[in-house]
């Protein structure tokens, strides 16, 4: 006898993707709580995650230095709650904005505070290779000036990512920019 499968409209989930998503939820709450922090129980209540899942996630975040204890909250009849906070200087991200004639690069901490910024002229019509060279130089210069030539002013691995904004539509399938008005070299 064969089994018939019924499509319930629900798809399976990739465990790594779920873990990453849940960690991002918790990090977002820690960031939003600021220096005063938030308790694990509050995180569980706001995310719908179990207290055990929140403990595992916050444990990993503490191990990697992204979260730390921020003290204890007064008890309302039980054990005082340990409050956790984001460690803003534990990670950095670079934002790159390319316009037709200008470049802006920013380095931010985990809390979104701008650590450094560079602006310059850009000729988007010079082509992708030339523009990429200018971007790499600007990003490298900014990171070195803010974090030191070898990143020594920050924790190892503190540069977590780079985001780039470009004019024109992006072909997400091929990962290329195309149809930038006045710049056929980007097709």
Protein backbone atom coordinates (compact mmCIF):
# COMPACT_ATOMS: atom_id res chain seq x y z
CA UNK A 1 0.00 0.00 0.00
CA UNK A 2 1.50 3.36 -0.97
CA UNK A 3 1.43 6.43 1.23
CA UNK A 4 -0.12 9.54 -0.18
CA UNK A 5 1.54 12.76 0.88
CA UNK A 6 -0.63 15.74 1.54
CA UNK A 7 0.76 19.18 0.88
CA UNK A 8 -0.21 21.12 3.97
CA UNK A 9 1.26 24.36 2.65
CA UNK A 10 4.11 24.19 5.15
CA UNK A 11 7.67 23.65 4.06
CA UNK A 12 10.47 22.16 6.09
CA UNK A 13 13.01 24.48 7.63
CA UNK A 14 16.78 24.45 7.45
CA UNK A 15 18.05 24.16 11.04
CA UNK A 16 20.99 26.49 10.39
CA UNK A 17 18.69 29.12 8.92
CA UNK A 18 16.29 28.86 11.86
CA UNK A 19 19.17 29.16 14.33
CA UNK A 20 20.48 32.22 12.50
CA UNK A 21 17.01 33.78 12.37
CA UNK A 22 16.41 33.20 16.08
CA UNK A 23 19.83 34.61 16.97
CA UNK A 24 19.05 37.69 14.88
CA UNK A 25 15.74 38.12 16.75
CA UNK A 26 17.52 38.00 20.10
CA UNK A 27 20.30 40.34 18.94
CA UNK A 28 17.67 42.80 17.74
CA UNK A 29 15.99 42.82 21.14
CA UNK A 30 19.33 43.25 22.92
CA UNK A 31 20.17 46.16 20.61
CA UNK A 32 16.79 47.75 21.18
CA UNK A 33 17.07 47.39 24.97
CA UNK A 34 20.19 49.56 25.08
CA UNK A 35 22.60 49.70 28.01
CA UNK A 36 19.92 48.78 30.58
CA UNK A 37 19.47 45.43 28.85
CA UNK A 38 16.71 42.84 28.85
CA UNK A 39 16.14 39.59 30.75
CA UNK A 40 16.02 36.16 29.13
CA UNK A 41 12.42 35.77 30.26
CA UNK A 42 11.45 39.04 28.54
CA UNK A 43 13.24 37.87 25.37
CA UNK A 44 11.30 34.60 25.47
CA UNK A 45 8.02 36.46 25.93
CA UNK A 46 8.65 38.86 23.06
CA UNK A 47 9.94 36.29 20.58
CA UNK A 48 7.78 33.29 21.38
CA UNK A 49 10.92 31.19 21.84
CA UNK A 50 11.12 28.84 24.79
CA UNK A 51 13.20 29.97 27.78
CA UNK A 52 15.56 27.05 27.08
CA UNK A 53 16.09 28.19 23.48
CA UNK A 54 16.72 31.76 24.66
CA UNK A 55 19.26 30.49 27.21
CA UNK A 56 21.12 28.56 24.50
CA UNK A 57 21.11 31.51 22.11
CA UNK A 58 22.21 34.04 24.73
CA UNK A 59 24.87 31.59 25.92
CA UNK A 60 26.33 31.45 22.39
CA UNK A 61 26.15 35.25 22.11
CA UNK A 62 27.99 35.62 25.42
CA UNK A 63 30.64 33.08 24.36
CA UNK A 64 31.33 35.07 21.20
CA UNK A 65 31.43 38.35 23.12
CA UNK A 66 28.35 39.86 21.45
CA UNK A 67 26.34 39.94 24.70
CA UNK A 68 27.22 40.48 28.35
CA UNK A 69 25.50 40.70 31.72
CA UNK A 70 24.11 44.14 32.55
CA UNK A 71 23.23 43.41 36.17
CA UNK A 72 20.09 42.11 37.84
CA UNK A 73 16.54 43.39 37.99
CA UNK A 74 14.73 43.69 41.29
CA UNK A 75 12.82 40.60 42.22
CA UNK A 76 9.05 40.53 42.02
CA UNK A 77 8.82 37.57 44.34
CA UNK A 78 11.38 35.17 42.96
CA UNK A 79 15.02 35.06 42.04
CA UNK A 80 16.24 38.40 40.61
CA UNK A 81 16.44 38.25 36.82
CA UNK A 82 19.83 38.51 35.14
CA UNK A 83 19.75 41.22 32.51
CA UNK A 84 21.77 40.95 29.31
CA UNK A 85 22.93 43.71 26.98
CA UNK A 86 24.51 43.96 23.57
CA UNK A 87 28.26 44.69 23.47
CA UNK A 88 28.25 47.31 20.68
CA UNK A 89 32.00 47.39 20.12
CA UNK A 90 32.18 43.60 19.65
CA UNK A 91 31.23 43.87 16.00
CA UNK A 92 31.34 46.26 13.09
CA UNK A 93 29.78 46.48 9.66
CA UNK A 94 30.62 48.55 6.60
CA UNK A 95 28.01 50.28 4.49
CA UNK A 96 28.87 51.40 0.96
CA UNK A 97 26.63 53.73 -1.04
CA UNK A 98 27.48 54.15 -4.71
CA UNK A 99 25.81 56.94 -6.63
CA UNK A 100 26.44 58.02 -10.20
CA UNK A 101 29.06 60.57 -9.14
CA UNK A 102 29.70 59.99 -5.42
CA UNK A 103 30.80 57.33 -2.96
CA UNK A 104 29.98 57.12 0.75
CA UNK A 105 31.46 54.51 3.08
CA UNK A 106 30.53 54.17 6.77
CA UNK A 107 31.78 51.91 9.55
CA UNK A 108 29.22 51.23 12.29
CA UNK A 109 29.16 49.34 15.57
CA UNK A 110 26.53 46.72 16.39
CA UNK A 111 24.29 49.38 17.90
CA UNK A 112 24.36 51.37 14.65
CA UNK A 113 26.62 54.13 15.98
CA UNK A 114 28.84 55.49 13.21
CA UNK A 115 32.53 54.94 14.01
CA UNK A 116 33.88 56.52 10.83
CA UNK A 117 32.84 57.80 7.44
CA UNK A 118 34.46 58.61 4.10
CA UNK A 119 33.00 60.42 1.13
CA UNK A 120 34.46 60.92 -2.29
CA UNK A 121 33.85 61.44 -5.94
CA UNK A 122 33.05 58.49 -8.14
CA UNK A 123 32.69 57.95 -11.86
CA UNK A 124 30.19 55.13 -12.18
CA UNK A 125 30.75 55.29 -15.94
CA UNK A 126 34.37 54.14 -15.50
CA UNK A 127 33.12 50.56 -15.37
CA UNK A 128 32.75 47.90 -12.71
CA UNK A 129 36.44 47.04 -12.33
CA UNK A 130 37.53 50.65 -11.83
CA UNK A 131 34.64 51.36 -9.44
CA UNK A 132 35.41 48.22 -7.45
CA UNK A 133 39.02 49.38 -7.07
CA UNK A 134 37.88 52.74 -5.69
CA UNK A 135 35.46 51.01 -3.29
CA UNK A 136 38.09 48.56 -2.00
CA UNK A 137 40.53 51.42 -1.42
CA UNK A 138 37.92 53.50 0.44
CA UNK A 139 36.73 50.59 2.61
CA UNK A 140 40.27 49.46 3.44
CA UNK A 141 41.32 53.01 4.29
CA UNK A 142 38.31 53.60 6.53
CA UNK A 143 38.67 50.31 8.40
CA UNK A 144 42.41 50.90 8.92
CA UNK A 145 41.90 54.46 10.13
CA UNK A 146 39.19 53.43 12.61
CA UNK A 147 40.30 49.97 13.73
CA UNK A 148 44.05 50.12 13.05
CA UNK A 149 46.11 48.68 10.17
CA UNK A 150 45.56 45.13 11.38
CA UNK A 151 42.28 45.63 13.20
CA UNK A 152 44.13 45.82 16.51
CA UNK A 153 41.76 48.46 17.88
CA UNK A 154 38.90 45.97 17.69
CA UNK A 155 38.35 42.40 18.70
CA UNK A 156 39.49 39.76 16.22
CA UNK A 157 36.77 39.09 13.71
CA UNK A 158 34.82 42.20 14.60
CA UNK A 159 34.18 43.11 10.95
CA UNK A 160 30.99 41.14 10.38
CA UNK A 161 29.90 42.22 6.94
CA UNK A 162 29.61 44.74 4.15
CA UNK A 163 26.41 46.04 2.58
CA UNK A 164 26.40 47.83 -0.77
CA UNK A 165 23.71 50.11 -2.21
CA UNK A 166 23.79 50.81 -5.95
CA UNK A 167 21.63 52.81 -8.34
CA UNK A 168 19.50 50.70 -10.63
CA UNK A 169 17.86 47.29 -10.42
CA UNK A 170 19.75 44.22 -9.30
CA UNK A 171 19.30 40.84 -10.96
CA UNK A 172 19.18 38.69 -7.82
CA UNK A 173 19.45 35.43 -9.74
CA UNK A 174 22.71 36.36 -11.47
CA UNK A 175 23.89 38.82 -8.80
CA UNK A 176 24.52 41.64 -11.25
CA UNK A 177 23.42 45.22 -11.61
CA UNK A 178 21.71 46.07 -14.90
CA UNK A 179 19.86 48.80 -16.75
CA UNK A 180 21.48 51.73 -14.99
CA UNK A 181 20.29 54.72 -17.02
CA UNK A 182 23.20 56.34 -18.84
CA UNK A 183 25.67 53.60 -17.91
CA UNK A 184 25.38 50.73 -20.40
CA UNK A 185 28.67 49.25 -19.15
CA UNK A 186 26.80 47.96 -16.09
CA UNK A 187 24.46 45.73 -18.14
